Every structure is written in C-alpha cells, then in structure tokens.
C-alpha cells in the first residue's frame, strides 16, 4: 500500500464525525433547548461562554439548532465518494 493512501480516509472520517456531532447537537438544541443549554451553563470547561447567548432564549437556540443541522447535513453530503 502506498504511503499516502493509508491515511487518506482520515480527513473524511473526521468530517463525518463533525457532521454527526453538529446534527445530533442541533437535534437536542431544537427539541430540548432549555435543558440542553442548562447542561452547559456551569463547570463546562469553557463551554459556558458558547451557550451564554442562548440562556433564557429557547427560540434563539432553536434557530441556531436549525443552522447546525443544515451545516451538518451539508458537510456530510460533501463526503460522498
């Protein structure tokens, strides 16, 4: 096997994992925005800053969730061989 081909699937796999995370996180944010945001509000290793704009704003979190899902699906679609 050629040296470059052994690592060729790594980037698509990383992209696929990112897409899965985006879609899953988006679905949780869409269906359970307050619970999901509350989970990351305190003692979350820096994620507190990321969720701060969504605290007490479930509509904003749902809108962001739709963007996450769309971006995740678009990323996954680009991985077709």
C-alpha atoms as a PDB file:
ATOM      1  CA  UNK A   1       0.000   0.000   0.000  1.00  0.00           C
ATOM      2  CA  UNK A   2       1.348   3.435  -0.874  1.00  0.00           C
ATOM      3  CA  UNK A   3       2.337   5.670   1.991  1.00  0.00           C
ATOM      4  CA  UNK A   4      -0.216   8.424   1.207  1.00  0.00           C
ATOM      5  CA  UNK A   5      -3.187   6.094   0.795  1.00  0.00           C
ATOM      6  CA  UNK A   6      -3.007   4.621   4.309  1.00  0.00           C
ATOM      7  CA  UNK A   7      -4.099   7.948   5.823  1.00  0.00           C
ATOM      8  CA  UNK A   8      -6.429   9.057   3.030  1.00  0.00           C
ATOM      9  CA  UNK A   9      -9.693   8.120   4.856  1.00  0.00           C
ATOM     10  CA  UNK A  10      -8.755  10.094   7.987  1.00  0.00           C
ATOM     11  CA  UNK A  11      -9.956  13.523   6.819  1.00  0.00           C
ATOM     12  CA  UNK A  12     -13.329  12.279   5.514  1.00  0.00           C
ATOM     13  CA  UNK A  13     -13.854  10.387   8.771  1.00  0.00           C
ATOM     14  CA  UNK A  14     -13.107  13.487  10.828  1.00  0.00           C
ATOM     15  CA  UNK A  15     -15.514  15.490   8.655  1.00  0.00           C
ATOM     16  CA  UNK A  16     -18.171  12.778   9.061  1.00  0.00           C
ATOM     17  CA  UNK A  17     -17.721  12.803  12.840  1.00  0.00           C
ATOM     18  CA  UNK A  18     -18.056  16.598  12.875  1.00  0.00           C
ATOM     19  CA  UNK A  19     -21.249  16.320  10.802  1.00  0.00           C
ATOM     20  CA  UNK A  20     -22.671  13.720  13.186  1.00  0.00           C
ATOM     21  CA  UNK A  21     -21.881  15.949  16.170  1.00  0.00           C
ATOM     22  CA  UNK A  22     -23.447  19.005  14.512  1.00  0.00           C
ATOM     23  CA  UNK A  23     -26.623  17.146  13.563  1.00  0.00           C
ATOM     24  CA  UNK A  24     -27.004  15.476  16.963  1.00  0.00           C
ATOM     25  CA  UNK A  25     -26.284  18.622  18.952  1.00  0.00           C
ATOM     26  CA  UNK A  26     -28.652  20.527  16.686  1.00  0.00           C
ATOM     27  CA  UNK A  27     -31.460  17.996  17.240  1.00  0.00           C
ATOM     28  CA  UNK A  28     -31.054  18.221  21.002  1.00  0.00           C
ATOM     29  CA  UNK A  29     -30.987  22.004  20.838  1.00  0.00           C
ATOM     30  CA  UNK A  30     -34.074  22.014  18.646  1.00  0.00           C
ATOM     31  CA  UNK A  31     -36.176  19.639  20.734  1.00  0.00           C
ATOM     32  CA  UNK A  32     -34.911  20.462  24.244  1.00  0.00           C
ATOM     33  CA  UNK A  33     -33.310  23.928  24.091  1.00  0.00           C
ATOM     34  CA  UNK A  34     -33.551  24.872  27.765  1.00  0.00           C
ATOM     35  CA  UNK A  35     -32.395  21.518  29.123  1.00  0.00           C
ATOM     36  CA  UNK A  36     -29.549  21.288  26.624  1.00  0.00           C
ATOM     37  CA  UNK A  37     -28.354  24.853  27.266  1.00  0.00           C
ATOM     38  CA  UNK A  38     -28.655  24.387  31.030  1.00  0.00           C
ATOM     39  CA  UNK A  39     -26.366  21.381  30.885  1.00  0.00           C
ATOM     40  CA  UNK A  40     -23.513  23.557  29.567  1.00  0.00           C
ATOM     41  CA  UNK A  41     -24.092  26.684  31.694  1.00  0.00           C
ATOM     42  CA  UNK A  42     -21.739  25.890  34.579  1.00  0.00           C
ATOM     43  CA  UNK A  43     -18.480  23.994  35.064  1.00  0.00           C
ATOM     44  CA  UNK A  44     -18.296  23.014  31.392  1.00  0.00           C
ATOM     45  CA  UNK A  45     -14.601  23.660  30.675  1.00  0.00           C
ATOM     46  CA  UNK A  46     -15.175  26.876  28.737  1.00  0.00           C
ATOM     47  CA  UNK A  47     -18.423  25.943  27.003  1.00  0.00           C
ATOM     48  CA  UNK A  48     -20.217  28.406  29.296  1.00  0.00           C
ATOM     49  CA  UNK A  49     -19.171  31.264  27.021  1.00  0.00           C
ATOM     50  CA  UNK A  50     -20.559  29.475  23.979  1.00  0.00           C
ATOM     51  CA  UNK A  51     -24.012  28.874  25.473  1.00  0.00           C
ATOM     52  CA  UNK A  52     -24.365  32.249  27.192  1.00  0.00           C
ATOM     53  CA  UNK A  53     -26.263  33.849  24.233  1.00  0.00           C
ATOM     54  CA  UNK A  54     -28.877  31.064  24.461  1.00  0.00           C
ATOM     55  CA  UNK A  55     -29.590  31.134  28.203  1.00  0.00           C
ATOM     56  CA  UNK A  56     -33.257  32.016  28.674  1.00  0.00           C
ATOM     57  CA  UNK A  57     -33.742  32.275  24.898  1.00  0.00           C
ATOM     58  CA  UNK A  58     -35.045  28.929  23.627  1.00  0.00           C
ATOM     59  CA  UNK A  59     -36.145  30.441  20.322  1.00  0.00           C
ATOM     60  CA  UNK A  60     -32.628  31.658  19.630  1.00  0.00           C
ATOM     61  CA  UNK A  61     -31.245  28.220  20.485  1.00  0.00           C
ATOM     62  CA  UNK A  62     -33.748  26.562  18.141  1.00  0.00           C
ATOM     63  CA  UNK A  63     -32.764  28.876  15.298  1.00  0.00           C
ATOM     64  CA  UNK A  64     -29.097  28.070  15.885  1.00  0.00           C
ATOM     65  CA  UNK A  65     -30.016  24.375  16.027  1.00  0.00           C
ATOM     66  CA  UNK A  66     -31.563  24.560  12.566  1.00  0.00           C
ATOM     67  CA  UNK A  67     -28.370  26.155  11.258  1.00  0.00           C
ATOM     68  CA  UNK A  68     -26.299  23.410  12.934  1.00  0.00           C
ATOM     69  CA  UNK A  69     -28.404  20.654  11.389  1.00  0.00           C
ATOM     70  CA  UNK A  70     -28.259  22.232   7.936  1.00  0.00           C
ATOM     71  CA  UNK A  71     -24.488  22.705   8.166  1.00  0.00           C
ATOM     72  CA  UNK A  72     -24.002  19.136   9.401  1.00  0.00           C
ATOM     73  CA  UNK A  73     -26.087  17.716   6.574  1.00  0.00           C
ATOM     74  CA  UNK A  74     -24.215  19.835   4.029  1.00  0.00           C
ATOM     75  CA  UNK A  75     -20.873  18.667   5.415  1.00  0.00           C
ATOM     76  CA  UNK A  76     -21.972  15.025   5.326  1.00  0.00           C
ATOM     77  CA  UNK A  77     -23.248  15.412   1.759  1.00  0.00           C
ATOM     78  CA  UNK A  78     -19.815  16.634   0.656  1.00  0.00           C
ATOM     79  CA  UNK A  79     -18.298  13.355   1.845  1.00  0.00           C
ATOM     80  CA  UNK A  80     -19.855  11.292  -0.946  1.00  0.00           C
ATOM     81  CA  UNK A  81     -17.290   9.369  -2.891  1.00  0.00           C
END
